[in-house]
C-alpha cells in the first residue's frame, strides 16, 4: 500500500505537537526495521550462535526478493490508527 498525503489536522488529533508525532513515527519505523533484521538473521542463520558483532549477510539471490511494505508507511499508518502508544520518561525519577 502506498503512502497517501497526510493532513496536519490528522496529526494534531493524536498529539498537540507535530514534531512529537514525527519523532514517535520515526522511532516506530526504526523498531520495524530492527524487527525485520532480527527475523531475517534468525531465518538465515537458524538458532546458531548469533553475536552482536556478526556481520549482516549480503543479499545473494535477487530471485528470492519479497517486496514488503515500507517501514515508514507502516509506522505512519500505525500512528494514525492509534496503535502506537508512547509516554515520557522523567530522567529525574530514575
PDB file of N, CA and C in Angstrom:
ATOM      1  N   UNK A   1       0.846  -1.180   0.000  1.00  0.00           N
ATOM      2  CA  UNK A   1       0.000   0.000   0.000  1.00  0.00           C
ATOM      3  C   UNK A   1       0.885   1.235   0.000  1.00  0.00           C
ATOM      4  N   UNK A   2       0.614   2.140  -0.894  1.00  0.00           N
ATOM      5  CA  UNK A   2       1.399   3.361  -1.000  1.00  0.00           C
ATOM      6  C   UNK A   2       0.960   4.364   0.061  1.00  0.00           C
ATOM      7  N   UNK A   3       1.871   5.229   0.396  1.00  0.00           N
ATOM      8  CA  UNK A   3       1.581   6.260   1.381  1.00  0.00           C
ATOM      9  C   UNK A   3       0.805   7.392   0.720  1.00  0.00           C
ATOM     10  N   UNK A   4      -0.248   7.806   1.342  1.00  0.00           N
ATOM     11  CA  UNK A   4      -1.075   8.892   0.822  1.00  0.00           C
ATOM     12  C   UNK A   4      -0.742  10.168   1.589  1.00  0.00           C
ATOM     13  N   UNK A   5      -1.040  11.327   1.017  1.00  0.00           N
ATOM     14  CA  UNK A   5      -0.781  12.577   1.742  1.00  0.00           C
ATOM     15  C   UNK A   5      -1.506  12.600   3.084  1.00  0.00           C
ATOM     16  N   UNK A   6      -0.834  13.165   4.071  1.00  0.00           N
ATOM     17  CA  UNK A   6      -1.367  13.206   5.431  1.00  0.00           C
ATOM     18  C   UNK A   6      -1.688  14.650   5.796  1.00  0.00           C
ATOM     19  N   UNK A   7      -2.843  14.842   6.340  1.00  0.00           N
ATOM     20  CA  UNK A   7      -3.248  16.170   6.781  1.00  0.00           C
ATOM     21  C   UNK A   7      -2.613  16.474   8.136  1.00  0.00           C
ATOM     22  N   UNK A   8      -2.183  17.699   8.295  1.00  0.00           N
ATOM     23  CA  UNK A   8      -1.635  18.131   9.587  1.00  0.00           C
ATOM     24  C   UNK A   8      -2.705  18.003  10.665  1.00  0.00           C
ATOM     25  N   UNK A   9      -3.939  18.217  10.307  1.00  0.00           N
ATOM     26  CA  UNK A   9      -5.031  18.107  11.269  1.00  0.00           C
ATOM     27  C   UNK A   9      -5.167  16.674  11.799  1.00  0.00           C
ATOM     28  N   UNK A  10      -4.882  15.679  10.934  1.00  0.00           N
ATOM     29  CA  UNK A  10      -4.914  14.283  11.400  1.00  0.00           C
ATOM     30  C   UNK A  10      -3.849  14.046  12.455  1.00  0.00           C
ATOM     31  N   UNK A  11      -2.682  14.644  12.271  1.00  0.00           N
ATOM     32  CA  UNK A  11      -1.616  14.503  13.252  1.00  0.00           C
ATOM     33  C   UNK A  11      -1.968  15.235  14.544  1.00  0.00           C
ATOM     34  N   UNK A  12      -2.600  16.402  14.412  1.00  0.00           N
ATOM     35  CA  UNK A  12      -2.958  17.193  15.591  1.00  0.00           C
ATOM     36  C   UNK A  12      -4.042  16.516  16.430  1.00  0.00           C
ATOM     37  N   UNK A  13      -4.811  15.602  15.832  1.00  0.00           N
ATOM     38  CA  UNK A  13      -5.811  14.871  16.603  1.00  0.00           C
ATOM     39  C   UNK A  13      -5.150  13.901  17.579  1.00  0.00           C
ATOM     40  N   UNK A  14      -3.964  13.421  17.239  1.00  0.00           N
ATOM     41  CA  UNK A  14      -3.248  12.453  18.073  1.00  0.00           C
ATOM     42  C   UNK A  14      -2.355  13.117  19.108  1.00  0.00           C
ATOM     43  N   UNK A  15      -1.807  14.279  18.769  1.00  0.00           N
ATOM     44  CA  UNK A  15      -0.918  14.996  19.685  1.00  0.00           C
ATOM     45  C   UNK A  15      -0.959  16.480  19.350  1.00  0.00           C
ATOM     46  N   UNK A  16      -0.625  17.307  20.313  1.00  0.00           N
ATOM     47  CA  UNK A  16      -0.635  18.754  20.087  1.00  0.00           C
ATOM     48  C   UNK A  16       0.600  19.225  19.342  1.00  0.00           C
ATOM     49  N   UNK A  17       1.638  18.456  19.381  1.00  0.00           N
ATOM     50  CA  UNK A  17       2.915  18.849  18.788  1.00  0.00           C
ATOM     51  C   UNK A  17       3.209  17.979  17.569  1.00  0.00           C
ATOM     52  N   UNK A  18       3.297  18.594  16.394  1.00  0.00           N
ATOM     53  CA  UNK A  18       3.557  17.855  15.158  1.00  0.00           C
ATOM     54  C   UNK A  18       4.944  17.224  15.201  1.00  0.00           C
ATOM     55  N   UNK A  19       5.905  17.898  15.781  1.00  0.00           N
ATOM     56  CA  UNK A  19       7.257  17.360  15.865  1.00  0.00           C
ATOM     57  C   UNK A  19       7.300  16.118  16.756  1.00  0.00           C
ATOM     58  N   UNK A  20       6.483  16.125  17.801  1.00  0.00           N
ATOM     59  CA  UNK A  20       6.372  14.942  18.652  1.00  0.00           C
ATOM     60  C   UNK A  20       5.839  13.762  17.839  1.00  0.00           C
ATOM     61  N   UNK A  21       4.862  14.015  16.996  1.00  0.00           N
ATOM     62  CA  UNK A  21       4.304  12.965  16.144  1.00  0.00           C
ATOM     63  C   UNK A  21       5.363  12.400  15.204  1.00  0.00           C
ATOM     64  N   UNK A  22       6.183  13.277  14.644  1.00  0.00           N
ATOM     65  CA  UNK A  22       7.243  12.833  13.734  1.00  0.00           C
ATOM     66  C   UNK A  22       8.257  11.963  14.475  1.00  0.00           C
ATOM     67  N   UNK A  23       8.612  12.348  15.685  1.00  0.00           N
ATOM     68  CA  UNK A  23       9.568  11.559  16.472  1.00  0.00           C
ATOM     69  C   UNK A  23       8.982  10.191  16.803  1.00  0.00           C
ATOM     70  N   UNK A  24       7.719  10.142  17.189  1.00  0.00           N
ATOM     71  CA  UNK A  24       7.081   8.874  17.530  1.00  0.00           C
ATOM     72  C   UNK A  24       7.026   7.965  16.305  1.00  0.00           C
ATOM     73  N   UNK A  25       6.656   8.502  15.157  1.00  0.00           N
ATOM     74  CA  UNK A  25       6.582   7.693  13.937  1.00  0.00           C
ATOM     75  C   UNK A  25       7.969   7.226  13.495  1.00  0.00           C
ATOM     76  N   UNK A  26       8.976   8.072  13.680  1.00  0.00           N
ATOM     77  CA  UNK A  26      10.345   7.690  13.326  1.00  0.00           C
ATOM     78  C   UNK A  26      10.829   6.548  14.201  1.00  0.00           C
ATOM     79  N   UNK A  27      10.577   6.632  15.487  1.00  0.00           N
ATOM     80  CA  UNK A  27      11.006   5.557  16.394  1.00  0.00           C
ATOM     81  C   UNK A  27      10.268   4.257  16.103  1.00  0.00           C
ATOM     82  N   UNK A  28       8.995   4.350  15.758  1.00  0.00           N
ATOM     83  CA  UNK A  28       8.241   3.145  15.396  1.00  0.00           C
ATOM     84  C   UNK A  28       8.823   2.531  14.120  1.00  0.00           C
ATOM     85  N   UNK A  29       9.182   3.360  13.165  1.00  0.00           N
ATOM     86  CA  UNK A  29       9.785   2.870  11.929  1.00  0.00           C
ATOM     87  C   UNK A  29      11.102   2.153  12.207  1.00  0.00           C
ATOM     88  N   UNK A  30      11.904   2.698  13.103  1.00  0.00           N
ATOM     89  CA  UNK A  30      13.168   2.050  13.472  1.00  0.00           C
ATOM     90  C   UNK A  30      12.915   0.711  14.152  1.00  0.00           C
ATOM     91  N   UNK A  31      11.854   0.614  14.966  1.00  0.00           N
ATOM     92  CA  UNK A  31      11.502  -0.658  15.595  1.00  0.00           C
ATOM     93  C   UNK A  31      11.161  -1.702  14.537  1.00  0.00           C
ATOM     94  N   UNK A  32      10.416  -1.306  13.529  1.00  0.00           N
ATOM     95  CA  UNK A  32      10.021  -2.233  12.467  1.00  0.00           C
ATOM     96  C   UNK A  32      11.245  -2.708  11.693  1.00  0.00           C
ATOM     97  N   UNK A  33      12.151  -1.796  11.371  1.00  0.00           N
ATOM     98  CA  UNK A  33      13.374  -2.163  10.658  1.00  0.00           C
ATOM     99  C   UNK A  33      14.200  -3.140  11.490  1.00  0.00           C
ATOM    100  N   UNK A  34      14.346  -2.856  12.772  1.00  0.00           N
ATOM    101  CA  UNK A  34      15.117  -3.732  13.662  1.00  0.00           C
ATOM    102  C   UNK A  34      14.472  -5.113  13.743  1.00  0.00           C
ATOM    103  N   UNK A  35      13.161  -5.141  13.882  1.00  0.00           N
ATOM    104  CA  UNK A  35      12.441  -6.410  13.974  1.00  0.00           C
ATOM    105  C   UNK A  35      12.621  -7.231  12.701  1.00  0.00           C
ATOM    106  N   UNK A  36      12.551  -6.599  11.552  1.00  0.00           N
ATOM    107  CA  UNK A  36      12.744  -7.309  10.283  1.00  0.00           C
ATOM    108  C   UNK A  36      14.164  -7.850  10.158  1.00  0.00           C
ATOM    109  N   UNK A  37      15.125  -7.077  10.594  1.00  0.00           N
ATOM    110  CA  UNK A  37      16.519  -7.508  10.521  1.00  0.00           C
ATOM    111  C   UNK A  37      16.763  -8.721  11.419  1.00  0.00           C
ATOM    112  N   UNK A  38      16.222  -8.695  12.628  1.00  0.00           N
ATOM    113  CA  UNK A  38      16.380  -9.819  13.552  1.00  0.00           C
ATOM    114  C   UNK A  38      15.701 -11.065  12.982  1.00  0.00           C
ATOM    115  N   UNK A  39      14.488 -10.910  12.456  1.00  0.00           N
ATOM    116  CA  UNK A  39      13.785 -12.049  11.872  1.00  0.00           C
ATOM    117  C   UNK A  39      14.555 -12.631  10.697  1.00  0.00           C
ATOM    118  N   UNK A  40      15.130 -11.770   9.866  1.00  0.00           N
ATOM    119  CA  UNK A  40      15.894 -12.233   8.712  1.00  0.00           C
ATOM    120  C   UNK A  40      17.138 -12.987   9.153  1.00  0.00           C
ATOM    121  N   UNK A  41      17.821 -12.455  10.145  1.00  0.00           N
ATOM    122  CA  UNK A  41      19.024 -13.124  10.620  1.00  0.00           C
ATOM    123  C   UNK A  41      18.686 -14.474  11.244  1.00  0.00           C
ATOM    124  N   UNK A  42      17.586 -14.552  11.989  1.00  0.00           N
ATOM    125  CA  UNK A  42      17.187 -15.824  12.586  1.00  0.00           C
ATOM    126  C   UNK A  42      16.778 -16.831  11.518  1.00  0.00           C
ATOM    127  N   UNK A  43      16.102 -16.368  10.484  1.00  0.00           N
ATOM    128  CA  UNK A  43      15.701 -17.274   9.404  1.00  0.00           C
ATOM    129  C   UNK A  43      16.899 -17.755   8.598  1.00  0.00           C
ATOM    130  N   UNK A  44      17.857 -16.869   8.358  1.00  0.00           N
ATOM    131  CA  UNK A  44      19.033 -17.224   7.559  1.00  0.00           C
ATOM    132  C   UNK A  44      19.998 -18.104   8.334  1.00  0.00           C
ATOM    133  N   UNK A  45      20.209 -17.782   9.587  1.00  0.00           N
ATOM    134  CA  UNK A  45      21.226 -18.470  10.374  1.00  0.00           C
ATOM    135  C   UNK A  45      20.645 -19.549  11.280  1.00  0.00           C
ATOM    136  N   UNK A  46      19.345 -19.584  11.409  1.00  0.00           N
ATOM    137  CA  UNK A  46      18.745 -20.534  12.345  1.00  0.00           C
ATOM    138  C   UNK A  46      19.028 -20.083  13.761  1.00  0.00           C
ATOM    139  N   UNK A  47      19.081 -21.018  14.642  1.00  0.00           N
ATOM    140  CA  UNK A  47      19.338 -20.689  16.037  1.00  0.00           C
ATOM    141  C   UNK A  47      20.810 -20.892  16.395  1.00  0.00           C
ATOM    142  N   UNK A  48      21.666 -20.828  15.389  1.00  0.00           N
ATOM    143  CA  UNK A  48      23.094 -20.985  15.645  1.00  0.00           C
ATOM    144  C   UNK A  48      23.605 -19.767  16.400  1.00  0.00           C
ATOM    145  N   UNK A  49      24.830 -19.836  16.789  1.00  0.00           N
ATOM    146  CA  UNK A  49      25.432 -18.787  17.601  1.00  0.00           C
ATOM    147  C   UNK A  49      25.369 -17.440  16.902  1.00  0.00           C
ATOM    148  N   UNK A  50      24.540 -16.567  17.424  1.00  0.00           N
ATOM    149  CA  UNK A  50      24.450 -15.209  16.907  1.00  0.00           C
ATOM    150  C   UNK A  50      25.118 -14.278  17.906  1.00  0.00           C
ATOM    151  N   UNK A  51      25.881 -13.375  17.374  1.00  0.00           N
ATOM    152  CA  UNK A  51      26.592 -12.429  18.209  1.00  0.00           C
ATOM    153  C   UNK A  51      26.301 -11.025  17.728  1.00  0.00           C
ATOM    154  N   UNK A  52      26.491 -10.080  18.587  1.00  0.00           N
ATOM    155  CA  UNK A  52      26.287  -8.683  18.218  1.00  0.00           C
ATOM    156  C   UNK A  52      27.280  -8.265  17.146  1.00  0.00           C
ATOM    157  N   UNK A  53      28.434  -8.883  17.138  1.00  0.00           N
ATOM    158  CA  UNK A  53      29.483  -8.491  16.205  1.00  0.00           C
ATOM    159  C   UNK A  53      29.424  -9.240  14.875  1.00  0.00           C
ATOM    160  N   UNK A  54      28.441 -10.135  14.696  1.00  0.00           N
ATOM    161  CA  UNK A  54      28.311 -10.841  13.427  1.00  0.00           C
ATOM    162  C   UNK A  54      27.968  -9.853  12.321  1.00  0.00           C
ATOM    163  N   UNK A  55      28.599 -10.012  11.159  1.00  0.00           N
ATOM    164  CA  UNK A  55      28.267  -9.114  10.045  1.00  0.00           C
ATOM    165  C   UNK A  55      26.885  -9.431   9.492  1.00  0.00           C
ATOM    166  N   UNK A  56      26.262  -8.429   8.932  1.00  0.00           N
ATOM    167  CA  UNK A  56      24.957  -8.613   8.310  1.00  0.00           C
ATOM    168  C   UNK A  56      25.195  -9.256   6.948  1.00  0.00           C
ATOM    169  N   UNK A  57      24.564 -10.386   6.685  1.00  0.00           N
ATOM    170  CA  UNK A  57      24.803 -11.067   5.408  1.00  0.00           C
ATOM    171  C   UNK A  57      24.274 -10.265   4.229  1.00  0.00           C
ATOM    172  N   UNK A  58      24.989 -10.320   3.128  1.00  0.00           N
ATOM    173  CA  UNK A  58      24.589  -9.625   1.909  1.00  0.00           C
ATOM    174  C   UNK A  58      23.498 -10.415   1.199  1.00  0.00           C
ATOM    175  N   UNK A  59      22.651  -9.703   0.463  1.00  0.00           N
ATOM    176  CA  UNK A  59      21.635 -10.359  -0.356  1.00  0.00           C
ATOM    177  C   UNK A  59      22.324 -11.041  -1.522  1.00  0.00           C
ATOM    178  N   UNK A  60      22.064 -12.326  -1.708  1.00  0.00           N
ATOM    179  CA  UNK A  60      22.722 -13.076  -2.764  1.00  0.00           C
ATOM    180  C   UNK A  60      21.798 -13.354  -3.938  1.00  0.00           C
ATOM    181  N   UNK A  61      20.594 -13.758  -3.669  1.00  0.00           N
ATOM    182  CA  UNK A  61      19.671 -14.135  -4.725  1.00  0.00           C
ATOM    183  C   UNK A  61      18.578 -13.094  -4.872  1.00  0.00           C
ATOM    184  N   UNK A  62      18.573 -12.452  -6.023  1.00  0.00           N
ATOM    185  CA  UNK A  62      17.523 -11.474  -6.287  1.00  0.00           C
ATOM    186  C   UNK A  62      16.201 -12.190  -6.545  1.00  0.00           C
ATOM    187  N   UNK A  63      16.271 -13.437  -6.987  1.00  0.00           N
ATOM    188  CA  UNK A  63      15.059 -14.208  -7.264  1.00  0.00           C
ATOM    189  C   UNK A  63      14.237 -14.437  -5.999  1.00  0.00           C
ATOM    190  N   UNK A  64      14.879 -14.442  -4.841  1.00  0.00           N
ATOM    191  CA  UNK A  64      14.189 -14.680  -3.572  1.00  0.00           C
ATOM    192  C   UNK A  64      13.635 -13.402  -2.961  1.00  0.00           C
ATOM    193  N   UNK A  65      13.720 -12.291  -3.688  1.00  0.00           N
ATOM    194  CA  UNK A  65      13.289 -11.000  -3.161  1.00  0.00           C
ATOM    195  C   UNK A  65      11.776 -10.987  -2.964  1.00  0.00           C
ATOM    196  N   UNK A  66      11.361 -10.569  -1.768  1.00  0.00           N
ATOM    197  CA  UNK A  66       9.943 -10.409  -1.452  1.00  0.00           C
ATOM    198  C   UNK A  66       9.714  -8.951  -1.102  1.00  0.00           C
ATOM    199  N   UNK A  67       8.856  -8.300  -1.867  1.00  0.00           N
ATOM    200  CA  UNK A  67       8.596  -6.891  -1.603  1.00  0.00           C
ATOM    201  C   UNK A  67       7.664  -6.757  -0.414  1.00  0.00           C
ATOM    202  N   UNK A  68       8.089  -5.953   0.536  1.00  0.00           N
ATOM    203  CA  UNK A  68       7.310  -5.735   1.749  1.00  0.00           C
ATOM    204  C   UNK A  68       6.920  -4.261   1.820  1.00  0.00           C
ATOM    205  N   UNK A  69       5.920  -3.995   2.623  1.00  0.00           N
ATOM    206  CA  UNK A  69       5.507  -2.612   2.823  1.00  0.00           C
ATOM    207  C   UNK A  69       6.615  -1.857   3.544  1.00  0.00           C
ATOM    208  N   UNK A  70       6.842  -0.622   3.161  1.00  0.00           N
ATOM    209  CA  UNK A  70       7.929   0.160   3.751  1.00  0.00           C
ATOM    210  C   UNK A  70       7.660   0.429   5.228  1.00  0.00           C
ATOM    211  N   UNK A  71       8.729   0.385   6.039  1.00  0.00           N
ATOM    212  CA  UNK A  71       8.562   0.623   7.473  1.00  0.00           C
ATOM    213  C   UNK A  71       7.958   1.989   7.806  1.00  0.00           C
ATOM    214  N   UNK A  72       8.310   3.002   7.030  1.00  0.00           N
ATOM    215  CA  UNK A  72       7.747   4.330   7.306  1.00  0.00           C
ATOM    216  C   UNK A  72       6.244   4.348   7.058  1.00  0.00           C
ATOM    217  N   UNK A  73       5.796   3.662   6.026  1.00  0.00           N
ATOM    218  CA  UNK A  73       4.362   3.592   5.740  1.00  0.00           C
ATOM    219  C   UNK A  73       3.626   2.873   6.861  1.00  0.00           C
ATOM    220  N   UNK A  74       4.191   1.770   7.323  1.00  0.00           N
ATOM    221  CA  UNK A  74       3.582   1.023   8.422  1.00  0.00           C
ATOM    222  C   UNK A  74       3.534   1.877   9.684  1.00  0.00           C
ATOM    223  N   UNK A  75       4.640   2.575   9.978  1.00  0.00           N
ATOM    224  CA  UNK A  75       4.712   3.405  11.183  1.00  0.00           C
ATOM    225  C   UNK A  75       3.690   4.535  11.147  1.00  0.00           C
ATOM    226  N   UNK A  76       3.542   5.175  10.013  1.00  0.00           N
ATOM    227  CA  UNK A  76       2.576   6.275   9.893  1.00  0.00           C
ATOM    228  C   UNK A  76       1.154   5.746  10.044  1.00  0.00           C
ATOM    229  N   UNK A  77       0.863   4.633   9.380  1.00  0.00           N
ATOM    230  CA  UNK A  77      -0.482   4.054   9.487  1.00  0.00           C
ATOM    231  C   UNK A  77      -0.783   3.598  10.914  1.00  0.00           C
ATOM    232  N   UNK A  78       0.221   3.013  11.581  1.00  0.00           N
ATOM    233  CA  UNK A  78       0.045   2.615  12.981  1.00  0.00           C
ATOM    234  C   UNK A  78      -0.250   3.826  13.856  1.00  0.00           C
ATOM    235  N   UNK A  79       0.479   4.903  13.635  1.00  0.00           N
ATOM    236  CA  UNK A  79       0.294   6.120  14.430  1.00  0.00           C
ATOM    237  C   UNK A  79      -1.100   6.707  14.218  1.00  0.00           C
ATOM    238  N   UNK A  80      -1.498   6.833  12.952  1.00  0.00           N
ATOM    239  CA  UNK A  80      -2.784   7.451  12.652  1.00  0.00           C
ATOM    240  C   UNK A  80      -3.961   6.593  13.097  1.00  0.00           C
ATOM    241  N   UNK A  81      -3.779   5.275  13.136  1.00  0.00           N
ATOM    242  CA  UNK A  81      -4.870   4.402  13.572  1.00  0.00           C
ATOM    243  C   UNK A  81      -4.919   4.230  15.089  1.00  0.00           C
ATOM    244  N   UNK A  82      -3.940   4.824  15.800  1.00  0.00           N
ATOM    245  CA  UNK A  82      -3.943   4.778  17.260  1.00  0.00           C
ATOM    246  C   UNK A  82      -3.308   3.531  17.837  1.00  0.00           C
ATOM    247  N   UNK A  83      -2.561   2.771  17.045  1.00  0.00           N
ATOM    248  CA  UNK A  83      -1.931   1.550  17.530  1.00  0.00           C
ATOM    249  C   UNK A  83      -0.614   1.818  18.249  1.00  0.00           C
ATOM    250  N   UNK A  84      -0.075   3.010  18.117  1.00  0.00           N
ATOM    251  CA  UNK A  84       1.205   3.348  18.748  1.00  0.00           C
ATOM    252  C   UNK A  84       0.922   4.136  20.021  1.00  0.00           C
ATOM    253  N   UNK A  85       1.480   3.663  21.124  1.00  0.00           N
ATOM    254  CA  UNK A  85       1.354   4.356  22.414  1.00  0.00           C
ATOM    255  C   UNK A  85       2.750   4.783  22.854  1.00  0.00           C
ATOM    256  N   UNK A  86       2.857   5.938  23.457  1.00  0.00           N
ATOM    257  CA  UNK A  86       4.137   6.418  23.940  1.00  0.00           C
ATOM    258  C   UNK A  86       3.934   7.190  25.227  1.00  0.00           C
ATOM    259  N   UNK A  87       5.010   7.311  25.967  1.00  0.00           N
ATOM    260  CA  UNK A  87       4.970   8.075  27.216  1.00  0.00           C
ATOM    261  C   UNK A  87       6.332   8.720  27.427  1.00  0.00           C
ATOM    262  N   UNK A  88       6.362   9.673  28.298  1.00  0.00           N
ATOM    263  CA  UNK A  88       7.597  10.381  28.618  1.00  0.00           C
ATOM    264  C   UNK A  88       8.258   9.745  29.829  1.00  0.00           C
ATOM    265  N   UNK A  89       9.564   9.717  29.808  1.00  0.00           N
ATOM    266  CA  UNK A  89      10.319   9.225  30.952  1.00  0.00           C
ATOM    267  C   UNK A  89      10.984  10.431  31.589  1.00  0.00           C
ATOM    268  N   UNK A  90      10.688  10.647  32.837  1.00  0.00           N
ATOM    269  CA  UNK A  90      11.303  11.746  33.557  1.00  0.00           C
ATOM    270  C   UNK A  90      12.653  11.291  34.080  1.00  0.00           C
ATOM    271  N   UNK A  91      13.708  11.890  33.584  1.00  0.00           N
ATOM    272  CA  UNK A  91      15.057  11.451  33.974  1.00  0.00           C
ATOM    273  C   UNK A  91      15.368  11.723  35.442  1.00  0.00           C
ATOM    274  N   UNK A  92      14.651  12.628  36.050  1.00  0.00           N
ATOM    275  CA  UNK A  92      14.906  12.914  37.461  1.00  0.00           C
ATOM    276  C   UNK A  92      14.395  11.800  38.361  1.00  0.00           C
ATOM    277  N   UNK A  93      13.401  11.025  37.875  1.00  0.00           N
ATOM    278  CA  UNK A  93      12.833   9.934  38.662  1.00  0.00           C
ATOM    279  C   UNK A  93      13.718   8.683  38.648  1.00  0.00           C
ATOM    280  N   UNK A  94      14.616   8.597  37.722  1.00  0.00           N
ATOM    281  CA  UNK A  94      15.419   7.375  37.585  1.00  0.00           C
ATOM    282  C   UNK A  94      16.603   7.356  38.485  1.00  0.00           C
TER     283      UNK A  94
END
